[in-house]
Structures are given as structure tokens and as C-alpha cells.
Amino acid sequence: MNPTCVRVSVFYVHAEAVHIETRVPITTDEVRALLADAPGVELMDEREPGGYPTPVGDAAGNDAVFVGRIREDISHPNGLNLWIVSDNVRKGAALNSVQIAELLIESYL
């Protein structure tokens, strides 16, 4: 995995360009299907203007992690690229703490 964090001029939200190399090939359709069923993930991957997530328009003020621009990486046969945005205060700090506590209570305490 080779993430690149992009700082944009908003008070909240992180954006990352993520490069993943898998052991065996996986298609972009398979990745989309996996992410579409992942809890807490919003898939926004349309090949049209506005068909990808943006920090201000989508992630700010939301609990979900938004994923889009899923494509094969031309530099590696098993590589994929994704664009990911999320509200770092809600998901990155507050909500993560609550979700971890809920998991601990449910499974371990």
C-alpha cells in the first residue's frame, strides 16, 4: 500500500490517493463489489463529472468513508488506485473511539 495524503483548504476532512498491490490479480469490478458491501463505506465511482467523492461536498460532516476513482494501476500488474475521503474529526477521532468501545463491550467485556 502506498497512500498519499492530500491537504485541502477545509477545516475538516482528509483525502488520500491510495495505491494497493495485491498478491493475486483483482479486478476493479471485484473491488467495487467488496466496497459496496463494506460497512461504513460509501462507494462513489461513476465515470462522469462529479462521479467521485470530494472532501467538502461529500465527506465533511458525515461518518462514512467515501471511495471512488477505482482504477487499475498501469505500473504494476496487480496494482489498483483509489481516491478516499473522510471527515477526520468524525470518523478519524470521535466515531472510531465509539466504534472501538462498542466492539470491546460486545466482544471482550
PDB file of N, CA and C in Angstrom:
ATOM      1  N   MET A   1       0.843  -1.166   0.000  1.00  0.00           N
ATOM      2  CA  MET A   1       0.000   0.000   0.000  1.00  0.00           C
ATOM      3  C   MET A   1       0.890   1.230   0.000  1.00  0.00           C
ATOM      4  N   ASN A   2       0.496   2.221  -0.787  1.00  0.00           N
ATOM      5  CA  ASN A   2       1.291   3.429  -0.926  1.00  0.00           C
ATOM      6  C   ASN A   2       0.352   4.633  -0.906  1.00  0.00           C
ATOM      7  N   PRO A   3      -0.101   5.075   0.285  1.00  0.00           N
ATOM      8  CA  PRO A   3      -1.037   6.196   0.326  1.00  0.00           C
ATOM      9  C   PRO A   3      -0.345   7.544   0.212  1.00  0.00           C
ATOM     10  N   THR A   4      -1.066   8.506  -0.337  1.00  0.00           N
ATOM     11  CA  THR A   4      -0.630   9.895  -0.392  1.00  0.00           C
ATOM     12  C   THR A   4      -1.741  10.731   0.193  1.00  0.00           C
ATOM     13  N   CYS A   5      -1.471  11.428   1.264  1.00  0.00           N
ATOM     14  CA  CYS A   5      -2.478  12.282   1.893  1.00  0.00           C
ATOM     15  C   CYS A   5      -2.461  13.638   1.205  1.00  0.00           C
ATOM     16  N   VAL A   6      -3.644  14.145   0.872  1.00  0.00           N
ATOM     17  CA  VAL A   6      -3.779  15.431   0.205  1.00  0.00           C
ATOM     18  C   VAL A   6      -4.440  16.401   1.169  1.00  0.00           C
ATOM     19  N   ARG A   7      -3.767  17.472   1.470  1.00  0.00           N
ATOM     20  CA  ARG A   7      -4.347  18.504   2.334  1.00  0.00           C
ATOM     21  C   ARG A   7      -5.070  19.516   1.458  1.00  0.00           C
ATOM     22  N   VAL A   8      -6.316  19.723   1.777  1.00  0.00           N
ATOM     23  CA  VAL A   8      -7.106  20.693   1.024  1.00  0.00           C
ATOM     24  C   VAL A   8      -7.554  21.793   1.975  1.00  0.00           C
ATOM     25  N   SER A   9      -8.001  22.881   1.429  1.00  0.00           N
ATOM     26  CA  SER A   9      -8.311  24.055   2.252  1.00  0.00           C
ATOM     27  C   SER A   9      -9.699  23.966   2.888  1.00  0.00           C
ATOM     28  N   VAL A  10      -9.875  22.956   3.730  1.00  0.00           N
ATOM     29  CA  VAL A  10     -11.090  22.823   4.523  1.00  0.00           C
ATOM     30  C   VAL A  10     -10.674  22.560   5.963  1.00  0.00           C
ATOM     31  N   PHE A  11     -11.568  22.877   6.896  1.00  0.00           N
ATOM     32  CA  PHE A  11     -11.231  22.729   8.303  1.00  0.00           C
ATOM     33  C   PHE A  11     -11.162  21.261   8.709  1.00  0.00           C
ATOM     34  N   TYR A  12     -12.098  20.461   8.204  1.00  0.00           N
ATOM     35  CA  TYR A  12     -12.126  19.031   8.481  1.00  0.00           C
ATOM     36  C   TYR A  12     -11.930  18.276   7.183  1.00  0.00           C
ATOM     37  N   VAL A  13     -11.657  17.029   7.261  1.00  0.00           N
ATOM     38  CA  VAL A  13     -11.607  16.071   6.148  1.00  0.00           C
ATOM     39  C   VAL A  13     -10.172  15.803   5.697  1.00  0.00           C
ATOM     40  N   HIS A  14      -9.920  14.554   5.447  1.00  0.00           N
ATOM     41  CA  HIS A  14      -8.671  14.108   4.826  1.00  0.00           C
ATOM     42  C   HIS A  14      -8.997  13.487   3.484  1.00  0.00           C
ATOM     43  N   ALA A  15      -8.071  13.584   2.567  1.00  0.00           N
ATOM     44  CA  ALA A  15      -8.194  12.948   1.264  1.00  0.00           C
ATOM     45  C   ALA A  15      -6.911  12.180   1.002  1.00  0.00           C
ATOM     46  N   GLU A  16      -7.050  10.978   0.454  1.00  0.00           N
ATOM     47  CA  GLU A  16      -5.869  10.159   0.181  1.00  0.00           C
ATOM     48  C   GLU A  16      -5.975   9.516  -1.189  1.00  0.00           C
ATOM     49  N   ALA A  17      -4.864   9.537  -1.897  1.00  0.00           N
ATOM     50  CA  ALA A  17      -4.720   8.745  -3.110  1.00  0.00           C
ATOM     51  C   ALA A  17      -3.989   7.486  -2.680  1.00  0.00           C
ATOM     52  N   VAL A  18      -4.645   6.334  -2.776  1.00  0.00           N
ATOM     53  CA  VAL A  18      -4.093   5.095  -2.248  1.00  0.00           C
ATOM     54  C   VAL A  18      -3.768   4.146  -3.390  1.00  0.00           C
ATOM     55  N   HIS A  19      -2.552   3.609  -3.350  1.00  0.00           N
ATOM     56  CA  HIS A  19      -2.102   2.609  -4.313  1.00  0.00           C
ATOM     57  C   HIS A  19      -1.977   1.288  -3.573  1.00  0.00           C
ATOM     58  N   ILE A  20      -2.622   0.244  -4.093  1.00  0.00           N
ATOM     59  CA  ILE A  20      -2.595  -1.080  -3.474  1.00  0.00           C
ATOM     60  C   ILE A  20      -2.025  -2.074  -4.468  1.00  0.00           C
ATOM     61  N   GLU A  21      -1.128  -2.924  -3.992  1.00  0.00           N
ATOM     62  CA  GLU A  21      -0.628  -4.046  -4.792  1.00  0.00           C
ATOM     63  C   GLU A  21      -1.059  -5.331  -4.108  1.00  0.00           C
ATOM     64  N   THR A  22      -1.777  -6.175  -4.837  1.00  0.00           N
ATOM     65  CA  THR A  22      -2.281  -7.429  -4.280  1.00  0.00           C
ATOM     66  C   THR A  22      -1.388  -8.595  -4.695  1.00  0.00           C
ATOM     67  N   ARG A  23      -1.489  -9.678  -3.932  1.00  0.00           N
ATOM     68  CA  ARG A  23      -0.702 -10.879  -4.233  1.00  0.00           C
ATOM     69  C   ARG A  23      -1.188 -11.532  -5.528  1.00  0.00           C
ATOM     70  N   VAL A  24      -2.502 -11.551  -5.709  1.00  0.00           N
ATOM     71  CA  VAL A  24      -3.103 -12.097  -6.930  1.00  0.00           C
ATOM     72  C   VAL A  24      -3.948 -10.991  -7.565  1.00  0.00           C
ATOM     73  N   PRO A  25      -4.151 -11.068  -8.865  1.00  0.00           N
ATOM     74  CA  PRO A  25      -4.932 -10.014  -9.519  1.00  0.00           C
ATOM     75  C   PRO A  25      -6.362  -9.940  -8.985  1.00  0.00           C
ATOM     76  N   ILE A  26      -6.876  -8.732  -8.884  1.00  0.00           N
ATOM     77  CA  ILE A  26      -8.271  -8.490  -8.535  1.00  0.00           C
ATOM     78  C   ILE A  26      -8.762  -7.384  -9.465  1.00  0.00           C
ATOM     79  N   THR A  27      -9.960  -7.567  -9.983  1.00  0.00           N
ATOM     80  CA  THR A  27     -10.478  -6.597 -10.936  1.00  0.00           C
ATOM     81  C   THR A  27     -11.099  -5.405 -10.203  1.00  0.00           C
ATOM     82  N   THR A  28     -11.245  -4.324 -10.919  1.00  0.00           N
ATOM     83  CA  THR A  28     -11.887  -3.154 -10.328  1.00  0.00           C
ATOM     84  C   THR A  28     -13.351  -3.449 -10.014  1.00  0.00           C
ATOM     85  N   ASP A  29     -13.983  -4.298 -10.802  1.00  0.00           N
ATOM     86  CA  ASP A  29     -15.367  -4.678 -10.504  1.00  0.00           C
ATOM     87  C   ASP A  29     -15.455  -5.457  -9.191  1.00  0.00           C
ATOM     88  N   GLU A  30     -14.492  -6.334  -8.932  1.00  0.00           N
ATOM     89  CA  GLU A  30     -14.464  -7.080  -7.674  1.00  0.00           C
ATOM     90  C   GLU A  30     -14.253  -6.133  -6.491  1.00  0.00           C
ATOM     91  N   VAL A  31     -13.365  -5.155  -6.666  1.00  0.00           N
ATOM     92  CA  VAL A  31     -13.112  -4.175  -5.605  1.00  0.00           C
ATOM     93  C   VAL A  31     -14.370  -3.364  -5.337  1.00  0.00           C
ATOM     94  N   ARG A  32     -15.044  -2.934  -6.392  1.00  0.00           N
ATOM     95  CA  ARG A  32     -16.282  -2.169  -6.219  1.00  0.00           C
ATOM     96  C   ARG A  32     -17.334  -2.985  -5.463  1.00  0.00           C
ATOM     97  N   ALA A  33     -17.464  -4.270  -5.812  1.00  0.00           N
ATOM     98  CA  ALA A  33     -18.441  -5.130  -5.131  1.00  0.00           C
ATOM     99  C   ALA A  33     -18.097  -5.288  -3.654  1.00  0.00           C
ATOM    100  N   LEU A  34     -16.820  -5.458  -3.334  1.00  0.00           N
ATOM    101  CA  LEU A  34     -16.400  -5.589  -1.941  1.00  0.00           C
ATOM    102  C   LEU A  34     -16.682  -4.305  -1.161  1.00  0.00           C
ATOM    103  N   LEU A  35     -16.344  -3.178  -1.751  1.00  0.00           N
ATOM    104  CA  LEU A  35     -16.537  -1.903  -1.068  1.00  0.00           C
ATOM    105  C   LEU A  35     -18.009  -1.530  -0.948  1.00  0.00           C
ATOM    106  N   ALA A  36     -18.817  -1.918  -1.927  1.00  0.00           N
ATOM    107  CA  ALA A  36     -20.252  -1.620  -1.874  1.00  0.00           C
ATOM    108  C   ALA A  36     -20.907  -2.300  -0.677  1.00  0.00           C
ATOM    109  N   ASP A  37     -20.362  -3.444  -0.239  1.00  0.00           N
ATOM    110  CA  ASP A  37     -20.917  -4.186   0.896  1.00  0.00           C
ATOM    111  C   ASP A  37     -20.202  -3.885   2.211  1.00  0.00           C
ATOM    112  N   ALA A  38     -19.166  -3.062   2.187  1.00  0.00           N
ATOM    113  CA  ALA A  38     -18.386  -2.789   3.401  1.00  0.00           C
ATOM    114  C   ALA A  38     -19.117  -1.804   4.300  1.00  0.00           C
ATOM    115  N   PRO A  39     -19.288  -2.156   5.585  1.00  0.00           N
ATOM    116  CA  PRO A  39     -19.955  -1.223   6.495  1.00  0.00           C
ATOM    117  C   PRO A  39     -19.163   0.071   6.653  1.00  0.00           C
ATOM    118  N   GLY A  40     -19.853   1.194   6.620  1.00  0.00           N
ATOM    119  CA  GLY A  40     -19.214   2.487   6.822  1.00  0.00           C
ATOM    120  C   GLY A  40     -18.556   3.062   5.584  1.00  0.00           C
ATOM    121  N   VAL A  41     -18.666   2.361   4.455  1.00  0.00           N
ATOM    122  CA  VAL A  41     -18.051   2.831   3.212  1.00  0.00           C
ATOM    123  C   VAL A  41     -19.148   3.246   2.235  1.00  0.00           C
ATOM    124  N   GLU A  42     -18.969   4.398   1.629  1.00  0.00           N
ATOM    125  CA  GLU A  42     -19.852   4.875   0.561  1.00  0.00           C
ATOM    126  C   GLU A  42     -19.073   4.846  -0.738  1.00  0.00           C
ATOM    127  N   LEU A  43     -19.514   4.049  -1.668  1.00  0.00           N
ATOM    128  CA  LEU A  43     -18.846   3.940  -2.964  1.00  0.00           C
ATOM    129  C   LEU A  43     -19.410   4.993  -3.905  1.00  0.00           C
ATOM    130  N   MET A  44     -18.531   5.845  -4.439  1.00  0.00           N
ATOM    131  CA  MET A  44     -18.901   6.876  -5.414  1.00  0.00           C
ATOM    132  C   MET A  44     -17.904   6.761  -6.559  1.00  0.00           C
ATOM    133  N   ASP A  45     -18.221   5.948  -7.522  1.00  0.00           N
ATOM    134  CA  ASP A  45     -17.248   5.650  -8.555  1.00  0.00           C
ATOM    135  C   ASP A  45     -17.889   5.635  -9.938  1.00  0.00           C
ATOM    136  N   GLU A  46     -18.422   6.757 -10.340  1.00  0.00           N
ATOM    137  CA  GLU A  46     -19.044   6.902 -11.653  1.00  0.00           C
ATOM    138  C   GLU A  46     -18.068   7.587 -12.594  1.00  0.00           C
ATOM    139  N   ARG A  47     -17.982   7.134 -13.799  1.00  0.00           N
ATOM    140  CA  ARG A  47     -17.079   7.716 -14.786  1.00  0.00           C
ATOM    141  C   ARG A  47     -17.758   8.887 -15.492  1.00  0.00           C
ATOM    142  N   GLU A  48     -18.034   9.939 -14.688  1.00  0.00           N
ATOM    143  CA  GLU A  48     -18.676  11.145 -15.208  1.00  0.00           C
ATOM    144  C   GLU A  48     -18.309  12.307 -14.294  1.00  0.00           C
ATOM    145  N   PRO A  49     -18.458  13.530 -14.760  1.00  0.00           N
ATOM    146  CA  PRO A  49     -18.153  14.676 -13.904  1.00  0.00           C
ATOM    147  C   PRO A  49     -18.938  14.596 -12.596  1.00  0.00           C
ATOM    148  N   GLY A  50     -18.256  14.780 -11.487  1.00  0.00           N
ATOM    149  CA  GLY A  50     -18.895  14.715 -10.184  1.00  0.00           C
ATOM    150  C   GLY A  50     -19.161  13.306  -9.687  1.00  0.00           C
ATOM    151  N   GLY A  51     -18.666  12.308 -10.369  1.00  0.00           N
ATOM    152  CA  GLY A  51     -18.912  10.906 -10.002  1.00  0.00           C
ATOM    153  C   GLY A  51     -17.910  10.343  -9.023  1.00  0.00           C
ATOM    154  N   TYR A  52     -17.194  11.192  -8.335  1.00  0.00           N
ATOM    155  CA  TYR A  52     -16.206  10.760  -7.351  1.00  0.00           C
ATOM    156  C   TYR A  52     -16.364  11.615  -6.092  1.00  0.00           C
ATOM    157  N   PRO A  53     -15.921  11.100  -4.945  1.00  0.00           N
ATOM    158  CA  PRO A  53     -16.123  11.853  -3.698  1.00  0.00           C
ATOM    159  C   PRO A  53     -15.192  13.049  -3.579  1.00  0.00           C
ATOM    160  N   THR A  54     -15.723  14.094  -2.950  1.00  0.00           N
ATOM    161  CA  THR A  54     -14.926  15.286  -2.679  1.00  0.00           C
ATOM    162  C   THR A  54     -14.950  15.568  -1.173  1.00  0.00           C
ATOM    163  N   PRO A  55     -13.904  16.181  -0.657  1.00  0.00           N
ATOM    164  CA  PRO A  55     -13.849  16.457   0.773  1.00  0.00           C
ATOM    165  C   PRO A  55     -15.014  17.317   1.281  1.00  0.00           C
ATOM    166  N   VAL A  56     -15.262  18.442   0.647  1.00  0.00           N
ATOM    167  CA  VAL A  56     -16.287  19.366   1.140  1.00  0.00           C
ATOM    168  C   VAL A  56     -17.686  18.890   0.777  1.00  0.00           C
ATOM    169  N   GLY A  57     -17.882  18.480  -0.462  1.00  0.00           N
ATOM    170  CA  GLY A  57     -19.220  18.124  -0.929  1.00  0.00           C
ATOM    171  C   GLY A  57     -19.770  16.838  -0.369  1.00  0.00           C
ATOM    172  N   ASP A  58     -18.913  15.901   0.006  1.00  0.00           N
ATOM    173  CA  ASP A  58     -19.387  14.592   0.447  1.00  0.00           C
ATOM    174  C   ASP A  58     -18.965  14.237   1.871  1.00  0.00           C
ATOM    175  N   ALA A  59     -17.699  14.358   2.184  1.00  0.00           N
ATOM    176  CA  ALA A  59     -17.191  13.822   3.446  1.00  0.00           C
ATOM    177  C   ALA A  59     -17.437  14.715   4.656  1.00  0.00           C
ATOM    178  N   ALA A  60     -17.325  16.013   4.493  1.00  0.00           N
ATOM    179  CA  ALA A  60     -17.446  16.914   5.647  1.00  0.00           C
ATOM    180  C   ALA A  60     -18.800  16.741   6.324  1.00  0.00           C
ATOM    181  N   GLY A  61     -18.758  16.453   7.630  1.00  0.00           N
ATOM    182  CA  GLY A  61     -19.973  16.296   8.408  1.00  0.00           C
ATOM    183  C   GLY A  61     -20.613  14.925   8.325  1.00  0.00           C
ATOM    184  N   ASN A  62     -19.966  13.976   7.665  1.00  0.00           N
ATOM    185  CA  ASN A  62     -20.501  12.616   7.530  1.00  0.00           C
ATOM    186  C   ASN A  62     -19.607  11.607   8.231  1.00  0.00           C
ATOM    187  N   ASP A  63     -20.206  10.507   8.666  1.00  0.00           N
ATOM    188  CA  ASP A  63     -19.456   9.454   9.343  1.00  0.00           C
ATOM    189  C   ASP A  63     -18.813   8.461   8.372  1.00  0.00           C
ATOM    190  N   ALA A  64     -19.315   8.367   7.169  1.00  0.00           N
ATOM    191  CA  ALA A  64     -18.836   7.361   6.213  1.00  0.00           C
ATOM    192  C   ALA A  64     -17.457   7.716   5.653  1.00  0.00           C
ATOM    193  N   VAL A  65     -16.800   6.697   5.138  1.00  0.00           N
ATOM    194  CA  VAL A  65     -15.572   6.856   4.361  1.00  0.00           C
ATOM    195  C   VAL A  65     -15.986   6.705   2.900  1.00  0.00           C
ATOM    196  N   PHE A  66     -15.669   7.692   2.086  1.00  0.00           N
ATOM    197  CA  PHE A  66     -16.085   7.707   0.687  1.00  0.00           C
ATOM    198  C   PHE A  66     -14.933   7.255  -0.204  1.00  0.00           C
ATOM    199  N   VAL A  67     -15.228   6.337  -1.133  1.00  0.00           N
ATOM    200  CA  VAL A  67     -14.205   5.778  -2.016  1.00  0.00           C
ATOM    201  C   VAL A  67     -14.644   5.930  -3.462  1.00  0.00           C
ATOM    202  N   GLY A  68     -13.723   6.340  -4.307  1.00  0.00           N
ATOM    203  CA  GLY A  68     -14.013   6.469  -5.730  1.00  0.00           C
ATOM    204  C   GLY A  68     -12.744   6.430  -6.557  1.00  0.00           C
ATOM    205  N   ARG A  69     -12.909   6.701  -7.833  1.00  0.00           N
ATOM    206  CA  ARG A  69     -11.803   6.707  -8.797  1.00  0.00           C
ATOM    207  C   ARG A  69     -10.991   5.416  -8.720  1.00  0.00           C
ATOM    208  N   ILE A  70     -11.681   4.301  -8.633  1.00  0.00           N
ATOM    209  CA  ILE A  70     -11.038   2.990  -8.560  1.00  0.00           C
ATOM    210  C   ILE A  70     -10.596   2.622  -9.973  1.00  0.00           C
ATOM    211  N   ARG A  71      -9.307   2.345 -10.108  1.00  0.00           N
ATOM    212  CA  ARG A  71      -8.783   2.008 -11.440  1.00  0.00           C
ATOM    213  C   ARG A  71      -7.550   1.134 -11.318  1.00  0.00           C
ATOM    214  N   GLU A  72      -7.283   0.411 -12.370  1.00  0.00           N
ATOM    215  CA  GLU A  72      -6.074  -0.400 -12.413  1.00  0.00           C
ATOM    216  C   GLU A  72      -4.861   0.502 -12.533  1.00  0.00           C
ATOM    217  N   ASP A  73      -3.787   0.092 -11.884  1.00  0.00           N
ATOM    218  CA  ASP A  73      -2.540   0.854 -11.940  1.00  0.00           C
ATOM    219  C   ASP A  73      -1.715   0.328 -13.108  1.00  0.00           C
ATOM    220  N   ILE A  74      -1.342   1.199 -14.012  1.00  0.00           N
ATOM    221  CA  ILE A  74      -0.592   0.752 -15.189  1.00  0.00           C
ATOM    222  C   ILE A  74       0.866   0.420 -14.872  1.00  0.00           C
ATOM    223  N   SER A  75       1.328   0.748 -13.656  1.00  0.00           N
ATOM    224  CA  SER A  75       2.728   0.493 -13.315  1.00  0.00           C
ATOM    225  C   SER A  75       2.964  -0.857 -12.643  1.00  0.00           C
ATOM    226  N   HIS A  76       1.887  -1.582 -12.303  1.00  0.00           N
ATOM    227  CA  HIS A  76       2.040  -2.876 -11.627  1.00  0.00           C
ATOM    228  C   HIS A  76       0.881  -3.787 -12.042  1.00  0.00           C
ATOM    229  N   PRO A  77       1.164  -5.045 -12.415  1.00  0.00           N
ATOM    230  CA  PRO A  77       0.095  -5.920 -12.909  1.00  0.00           C
ATOM    231  C   PRO A  77      -1.001  -6.212 -11.884  1.00  0.00           C
ATOM    232  N   ASN A  78      -0.680  -6.141 -10.600  1.00  0.00           N
ATOM    233  CA  ASN A  78      -1.680  -6.379  -9.557  1.00  0.00           C
ATOM    234  C   ASN A  78      -1.954  -5.104  -8.758  1.00  0.00           C
ATOM    235  N   GLY A  79      -1.756  -3.964  -9.385  1.00  0.00           N
ATOM    236  CA  GLY A  79      -1.928  -2.692  -8.687  1.00  0.00           C
ATOM    237  C   GLY A  79      -3.279  -2.057  -8.946  1.00  0.00           C
ATOM    238  N   LEU A  80      -3.775  -1.373  -7.926  1.00  0.00           N
ATOM    239  CA  LEU A  80      -5.027  -0.629  -8.014  1.00  0.00           C
ATOM    240  C   LEU A  80      -4.826   0.743  -7.384  1.00  0.00           C
ATOM    241  N   ASN A  81      -5.566   1.720  -7.870  1.00  0.00           N
ATOM    242  CA  ASN A  81      -5.551   3.070  -7.299  1.00  0.00           C
ATOM    243  C   ASN A  81      -6.961   3.427  -6.857  1.00  0.00           C
ATOM    244  N   LEU A  82      -7.050   4.089  -5.697  1.00  0.00           N
ATOM    245  CA  LEU A  82      -8.331   4.526  -5.153  1.00  0.00           C
ATOM    246  C   LEU A  82      -8.191   5.945  -4.615  1.00  0.00           C
ATOM    247  N   TRP A  83      -9.278   6.682  -4.638  1.00  0.00           N
ATOM    248  CA  TRP A  83      -9.355   8.011  -4.043  1.00  0.00           C
ATOM    249  C   TRP A  83     -10.292   7.896  -2.849  1.00  0.00           C
ATOM    250  N   ILE A  84      -9.835   8.290  -1.662  1.00  0.00           N
ATOM    251  CA  ILE A  84     -10.595   8.097  -0.429  1.00  0.00           C
ATOM    252  C   ILE A  84     -10.669   9.419   0.336  1.00  0.00           C
ATOM    253  N   VAL A  85     -11.868   9.785   0.772  1.00  0.00           N
ATOM    254  CA  VAL A  85     -12.034  10.986   1.599  1.00  0.00           C
ATOM    255  C   VAL A  85     -12.916  10.648   2.797  1.00  0.00           C
ATOM    256  N   SER A  86     -12.610  11.271   3.929  1.00  0.00           N
ATOM    257  CA  SER A  86     -13.455  11.117   5.108  1.00  0.00           C
ATOM    258  C   SER A  86     -13.245  12.302   6.037  1.00  0.00           C
ATOM    259  N   ASP A  87     -14.244  12.550   6.865  1.00  0.00           N
ATOM    260  CA  ASP A  87     -14.159  13.616   7.859  1.00  0.00           C
ATOM    261  C   ASP A  87     -13.282  13.106   8.996  1.00  0.00           C
ATOM    262  N   ASN A  88     -12.086  13.635   9.101  1.00  0.00           N
ATOM    263  CA  ASN A  88     -11.115  13.119  10.058  1.00  0.00           C
ATOM    264  C   ASN A  88     -11.512  13.358  11.505  1.00  0.00           C
ATOM    265  N   VAL A  89     -12.339  14.343  11.777  1.00  0.00           N
ATOM    266  CA  VAL A  89     -12.773  14.583  13.147  1.00  0.00           C
ATOM    267  C   VAL A  89     -13.879  13.595  13.526  1.00  0.00           C
ATOM    268  N   ARG A  90     -14.807  13.380  12.632  1.00  0.00           N
ATOM    269  CA  ARG A  90     -15.910  12.454  12.929  1.00  0.00           C
ATOM    270  C   ARG A  90     -15.437  11.010  12.853  1.00  0.00           C
ATOM    271  N   LYS A  91     -14.923  10.602  11.721  1.00  0.00           N
ATOM    272  CA  LYS A  91     -14.519   9.203  11.550  1.00  0.00           C
ATOM    273  C   LYS A  91     -13.133   8.959  12.122  1.00  0.00           C
ATOM    274  N   GLY A  92     -12.251   9.877  11.933  1.00  0.00           N
ATOM    275  CA  GLY A  92     -10.876   9.658  12.354  1.00  0.00           C
ATOM    276  C   GLY A  92     -10.654   9.722  13.846  1.00  0.00           C
ATOM    277  N   ALA A  93     -11.531  10.360  14.571  1.00  0.00           N
ATOM    278  CA  ALA A  93     -11.300  10.504  16.007  1.00  0.00           C
ATOM    279  C   ALA A  93     -12.526  10.055  16.798  1.00  0.00           C
ATOM    280  N   ALA A  94     -13.567  10.834  16.766  1.00  0.00           N
ATOM    281  CA  ALA A  94     -14.722  10.587  17.627  1.00  0.00           C
ATOM    282  C   ALA A  94     -15.418   9.260  17.322  1.00  0.00           C
ATOM    283  N   LEU A  95     -15.828   9.049  16.088  1.00  0.00           N
ATOM    284  CA  LEU A  95     -16.582   7.839  15.759  1.00  0.00           C
ATOM    285  C   LEU A  95     -15.730   6.585  15.916  1.00  0.00           C
ATOM    286  N   ASN A  96     -14.462   6.647  15.527  1.00  0.00           N
ATOM    287  CA  ASN A  96     -13.590   5.479  15.714  1.00  0.00           C
ATOM    288  C   ASN A  96     -13.535   5.076  17.180  1.00  0.00           C
ATOM    289  N   SER A  97     -13.415   6.031  18.079  1.00  0.00           N
ATOM    290  CA  SER A  97     -13.358   5.731  19.510  1.00  0.00           C
ATOM    291  C   SER A  97     -14.635   5.048  19.976  1.00  0.00           C
ATOM    292  N   VAL A  98     -15.777   5.554  19.534  1.00  0.00           N
ATOM    293  CA  VAL A  98     -17.057   4.945  19.908  1.00  0.00           C
ATOM    294  C   VAL A  98     -17.166   3.537  19.344  1.00  0.00           C
ATOM    295  N   GLN A  99     -16.804   3.346  18.082  1.00  0.00           N
ATOM    296  CA  GLN A  99     -16.905   2.025  17.464  1.00  0.00           C
ATOM    297  C   GLN A  99     -15.969   1.021  18.125  1.00  0.00           C
ATOM    298  N   ILE A 100     -14.786   1.430  18.489  1.00  0.00           N
ATOM    299  CA  ILE A 100     -13.857   0.539  19.195  1.00  0.00           C
ATOM    300  C   ILE A 100     -14.428   0.175  20.565  1.00  0.00           C
ATOM    301  N   ALA A 101     -14.973   1.148  21.280  1.00  0.00           N
ATOM    302  CA  ALA A 101     -15.571   0.876  22.592  1.00  0.00           C
ATOM    303  C   ALA A 101     -16.749  -0.088  22.456  1.00  0.00           C
ATOM    304  N   GLU A 102     -17.592   0.099  21.452  1.00  0.00           N
ATOM    305  CA  GLU A 102     -18.725  -0.803  21.234  1.00  0.00           C
ATOM    306  C   GLU A 102     -18.252  -2.229  20.952  1.00  0.00           C
ATOM    307  N   LEU A 103     -17.219  -2.367  20.146  1.00  0.00           N
ATOM    308  CA  LEU A 103     -16.650  -3.682  19.855  1.00  0.00           C
ATOM    309  C   LEU A 103     -16.086  -4.336  21.107  1.00  0.00           C
ATOM    310  N   LEU A 104     -15.382  -3.570  21.925  1.00  0.00           N
ATOM    311  CA  LEU A 104     -14.826  -4.097  23.174  1.00  0.00           C
ATOM    312  C   LEU A 104     -15.931  -4.573  24.115  1.00  0.00           C
ATOM    313  N   ILE A 105     -16.978  -3.778  24.252  1.00  0.00           N
ATOM    314  CA  ILE A 105     -18.089  -4.142  25.127  1.00  0.00           C
ATOM    315  C   ILE A 105     -18.792  -5.394  24.605  1.00  0.00           C
ATOM    316  N   GLU A 106     -19.043  -5.445  23.311  1.00  0.00           N
ATOM    317  CA  GLU A 106     -19.752  -6.562  22.707  1.00  0.00           C
ATOM    318  C   GLU A 106     -18.959  -7.857  22.740  1.00  0.00           C
ATOM    319  N   SER A 107     -17.670  -7.776  22.481  1.00  0.00           N
ATOM    320  CA  SER A 107     -16.876  -8.995  22.290  1.00  0.00           C
ATOM    321  C   SER A 107     -15.940  -9.359  23.431  1.00  0.00           C
ATOM    322  N   TYR A 108     -15.553  -8.406  24.226  1.00  0.00           N
ATOM    323  CA  TYR A 108     -14.490  -8.691  25.185  1.00  0.00           C
ATOM    324  C   TYR A 108     -14.816  -8.353  26.631  1.00  0.00           C
ATOM    325  N   LEU A 109     -15.787  -7.506  26.880  1.00  0.00           N
ATOM    326  CA  LEU A 109     -16.045  -7.080  28.267  1.00  0.00           C
ATOM    327  C   LEU A 109     -17.353  -7.636  28.792  1.00  0.00           C
TER     328      LEU A 109
END
